[in-house]
Amino acid sequence: LMSTGLTFGSISALFGLSHNIIDTAQYSFLIATVVGSAVIPTLIANAFFLPRHLLKRRPPETPEE
């Protein structure tokens, strides 16, 4: 819960549940949506934006004699 969006989303959903504004099914859906909104972009970023500057470089191959 380090992200601001995760914290605010989960606290506001819990507030709605504890004050009978939403029921448990709506609470579960909201929490799943909040967590998904943080996890899915992270997975996409890790898949497509590989930090190539951190990868080890292979030494150039010398031709066999």
N, C-alpha and C. Protein backbone atom coordinates (compact mmCIF):
# COMPACT_ATOMS: atom_id res chain seq x y z
N LEU A 1 0.82 -1.21 0.00
CA LEU A 1 0.00 0.00 0.00
C LEU A 1 0.85 1.26 0.00
N MET A 2 1.98 1.20 -0.63
CA MET A 2 2.86 2.36 -0.66
C MET A 2 2.40 3.41 -1.66
N SER A 3 1.66 3.01 -2.65
CA SER A 3 1.21 3.95 -3.67
C SER A 3 0.04 4.78 -3.13
N THR A 4 0.00 6.04 -3.53
CA THR A 4 -1.08 6.93 -3.08
C THR A 4 -2.42 6.44 -3.58
N GLY A 5 -2.48 5.97 -4.82
CA GLY A 5 -3.73 5.48 -5.38
C GLY A 5 -4.24 4.25 -4.65
N LEU A 6 -3.33 3.35 -4.31
CA LEU A 6 -3.73 2.16 -3.57
C LEU A 6 -4.24 2.54 -2.18
N THR A 7 -3.54 3.43 -1.53
CA THR A 7 -3.93 3.83 -0.17
C THR A 7 -5.28 4.54 -0.18
N PHE A 8 -5.44 5.53 -1.04
CA PHE A 8 -6.69 6.27 -1.08
C PHE A 8 -7.85 5.39 -1.50
N GLY A 9 -7.63 4.55 -2.50
CA GLY A 9 -8.70 3.68 -2.98
C GLY A 9 -9.15 2.69 -1.93
N SER A 10 -8.20 2.08 -1.23
CA SER A 10 -8.58 1.09 -0.22
C SER A 10 -9.22 1.74 1.00
N ILE A 11 -8.73 2.90 1.40
CA ILE A 11 -9.32 3.59 2.56
C ILE A 11 -10.72 4.09 2.24
N SER A 12 -10.91 4.64 1.05
CA SER A 12 -12.25 5.14 0.71
C SER A 12 -13.24 3.98 0.54
N ALA A 13 -12.79 2.85 0.02
CA ALA A 13 -13.67 1.69 -0.08
C ALA A 13 -14.02 1.16 1.31
N LEU A 14 -13.05 1.12 2.20
CA LEU A 14 -13.32 0.67 3.57
C LEU A 14 -14.26 1.63 4.29
N PHE A 15 -14.10 2.92 4.05
CA PHE A 15 -15.01 3.91 4.64
C PHE A 15 -16.44 3.66 4.16
N GLY A 16 -16.60 3.43 2.86
CA GLY A 16 -17.93 3.16 2.33
C GLY A 16 -18.53 1.89 2.90
N LEU A 17 -17.71 0.87 3.09
CA LEU A 17 -18.21 -0.38 3.66
C LEU A 17 -18.59 -0.21 5.13
N SER A 18 -17.75 0.46 5.89
CA SER A 18 -18.01 0.60 7.33
C SER A 18 -19.18 1.53 7.63
N HIS A 19 -19.52 2.43 6.69
CA HIS A 19 -20.66 3.32 6.89
C HIS A 19 -21.90 2.88 6.11
N ASN A 20 -21.89 1.62 5.68
CA ASN A 20 -23.02 1.01 4.97
C ASN A 20 -23.41 1.78 3.71
N ILE A 21 -22.45 2.38 3.05
CA ILE A 21 -22.71 3.05 1.78
C ILE A 21 -22.64 2.02 0.65
N ILE A 22 -21.74 1.05 0.79
CA ILE A 22 -21.63 -0.04 -0.17
C ILE A 22 -21.71 -1.36 0.58
N ASP A 23 -22.04 -2.43 -0.15
CA ASP A 23 -22.08 -3.75 0.50
C ASP A 23 -20.76 -4.50 0.24
N THR A 24 -20.67 -5.72 0.75
CA THR A 24 -19.41 -6.46 0.67
C THR A 24 -19.05 -6.82 -0.77
N ALA A 25 -20.04 -7.08 -1.61
CA ALA A 25 -19.74 -7.39 -3.02
C ALA A 25 -19.14 -6.18 -3.72
N GLN A 26 -19.70 -5.01 -3.48
CA GLN A 26 -19.17 -3.79 -4.08
C GLN A 26 -17.77 -3.48 -3.52
N TYR A 27 -17.59 -3.73 -2.23
CA TYR A 27 -16.28 -3.51 -1.62
C TYR A 27 -15.22 -4.41 -2.26
N SER A 28 -15.56 -5.68 -2.44
CA SER A 28 -14.62 -6.62 -3.06
C SER A 28 -14.27 -6.19 -4.48
N PHE A 29 -15.28 -5.75 -5.23
CA PHE A 29 -15.04 -5.29 -6.59
C PHE A 29 -14.15 -4.05 -6.61
N LEU A 30 -14.41 -3.12 -5.70
CA LEU A 30 -13.60 -1.90 -5.65
C LEU A 30 -12.15 -2.20 -5.28
N ILE A 31 -11.94 -3.07 -4.32
CA ILE A 31 -10.57 -3.42 -3.91
C ILE A 31 -9.85 -4.13 -5.05
N ALA A 32 -10.55 -5.04 -5.73
CA ALA A 32 -9.93 -5.73 -6.87
C ALA A 32 -9.57 -4.74 -7.97
N THR A 33 -10.42 -3.75 -8.20
CA THR A 33 -10.15 -2.74 -9.21
C THR A 33 -8.96 -1.87 -8.82
N VAL A 34 -8.91 -1.47 -7.57
CA VAL A 34 -7.80 -0.63 -7.10
C VAL A 34 -6.47 -1.37 -7.20
N VAL A 35 -6.46 -2.61 -6.78
CA VAL A 35 -5.22 -3.40 -6.85
C VAL A 35 -4.84 -3.66 -8.31
N GLY A 36 -5.84 -3.98 -9.12
CA GLY A 36 -5.57 -4.21 -10.54
C GLY A 36 -5.04 -2.99 -11.25
N SER A 37 -5.53 -1.82 -10.84
CA SER A 37 -5.06 -0.59 -11.48
C SER A 37 -3.60 -0.29 -11.14
N ALA A 38 -3.07 -0.92 -10.13
CA ALA A 38 -1.65 -0.76 -9.80
C ALA A 38 -0.81 -1.89 -10.39
N VAL A 39 -1.36 -3.09 -10.42
CA VAL A 39 -0.58 -4.25 -10.85
C VAL A 39 -0.46 -4.32 -12.38
N ILE A 40 -1.55 -4.09 -13.09
CA ILE A 40 -1.54 -4.24 -14.55
C ILE A 40 -0.56 -3.28 -15.22
N PRO A 41 -0.55 -1.99 -14.90
CA PRO A 41 0.46 -1.12 -15.53
C PRO A 41 1.90 -1.53 -15.18
N THR A 42 2.11 -2.05 -14.00
CA THR A 42 3.44 -2.50 -13.62
C THR A 42 3.87 -3.69 -14.47
N LEU A 43 2.96 -4.63 -14.70
CA LEU A 43 3.28 -5.78 -15.54
C LEU A 43 3.58 -5.34 -16.97
N ILE A 44 2.80 -4.41 -17.49
CA ILE A 44 3.02 -3.91 -18.84
C ILE A 44 4.37 -3.21 -18.94
N ALA A 45 4.66 -2.39 -17.96
CA ALA A 45 5.94 -1.67 -17.97
C ALA A 45 7.12 -2.63 -17.89
N ASN A 46 7.02 -3.65 -17.07
CA ASN A 46 8.11 -4.61 -16.96
C ASN A 46 8.28 -5.44 -18.23
N ALA A 47 7.19 -5.67 -18.94
CA ALA A 47 7.27 -6.49 -20.15
C ALA A 47 7.87 -5.72 -21.32
N PHE A 48 7.55 -4.44 -21.45
CA PHE A 48 7.93 -3.71 -22.65
C PHE A 48 9.08 -2.72 -22.46
N PHE A 49 9.38 -2.37 -21.24
CA PHE A 49 10.41 -1.37 -20.99
C PHE A 49 11.52 -1.96 -20.15
N LEU A 50 12.29 -2.83 -20.76
CA LEU A 50 13.40 -3.48 -20.08
C LEU A 50 14.56 -2.50 -19.96
N PRO A 51 15.09 -2.29 -18.78
CA PRO A 51 16.21 -1.36 -18.61
C PRO A 51 17.50 -1.96 -19.16
N ARG A 52 17.74 -1.77 -20.43
CA ARG A 52 18.89 -2.38 -21.10
C ARG A 52 20.22 -1.86 -20.55
N HIS A 53 20.25 -0.68 -19.97
CA HIS A 53 21.51 -0.16 -19.44
C HIS A 53 21.95 -0.92 -18.19
N LEU A 54 21.08 -1.72 -17.61
CA LEU A 54 21.45 -2.50 -16.43
C LEU A 54 21.89 -3.92 -16.78
N LEU A 55 21.69 -4.32 -18.03
CA LEU A 55 22.07 -5.67 -18.43
C LEU A 55 23.57 -5.75 -18.63
N LYS A 56 24.13 -6.92 -18.33
CA LYS A 56 25.55 -7.13 -18.54
C LYS A 56 25.80 -7.28 -20.04
N ARG A 57 26.88 -6.68 -20.49
CA ARG A 57 27.25 -6.79 -21.90
C ARG A 57 28.16 -7.99 -22.10
N ARG A 58 27.90 -8.70 -23.18
CA ARG A 58 28.76 -9.83 -23.52
C ARG A 58 30.01 -9.31 -24.23
N PRO A 59 31.15 -9.91 -23.96
CA PRO A 59 32.35 -9.49 -24.69
C PRO A 59 32.20 -9.86 -26.17
N PRO A 60 32.81 -9.08 -27.05
CA PRO A 60 32.70 -9.40 -28.48
C PRO A 60 33.33 -10.76 -28.77
N GLU A 61 32.67 -11.50 -29.63
CA GLU A 61 33.17 -12.83 -29.96
C GLU A 61 34.32 -12.73 -30.96
N THR A 62 35.37 -13.47 -30.68
CA THR A 62 36.50 -13.49 -31.61
C THR A 62 36.34 -14.70 -32.53
N PRO A 63 36.72 -14.55 -33.80
CA PRO A 63 36.56 -15.68 -34.73
C PRO A 63 37.50 -16.82 -34.36
N GLU A 64 37.01 -18.02 -34.50
CA GLU A 64 37.80 -19.22 -34.21
C GLU A 64 38.87 -19.39 -35.29
N GLU A 65 40.06 -19.79 -34.92
CA GLU A 65 41.14 -19.99 -35.91
C GLU A 65 41.34 -21.44 -36.22
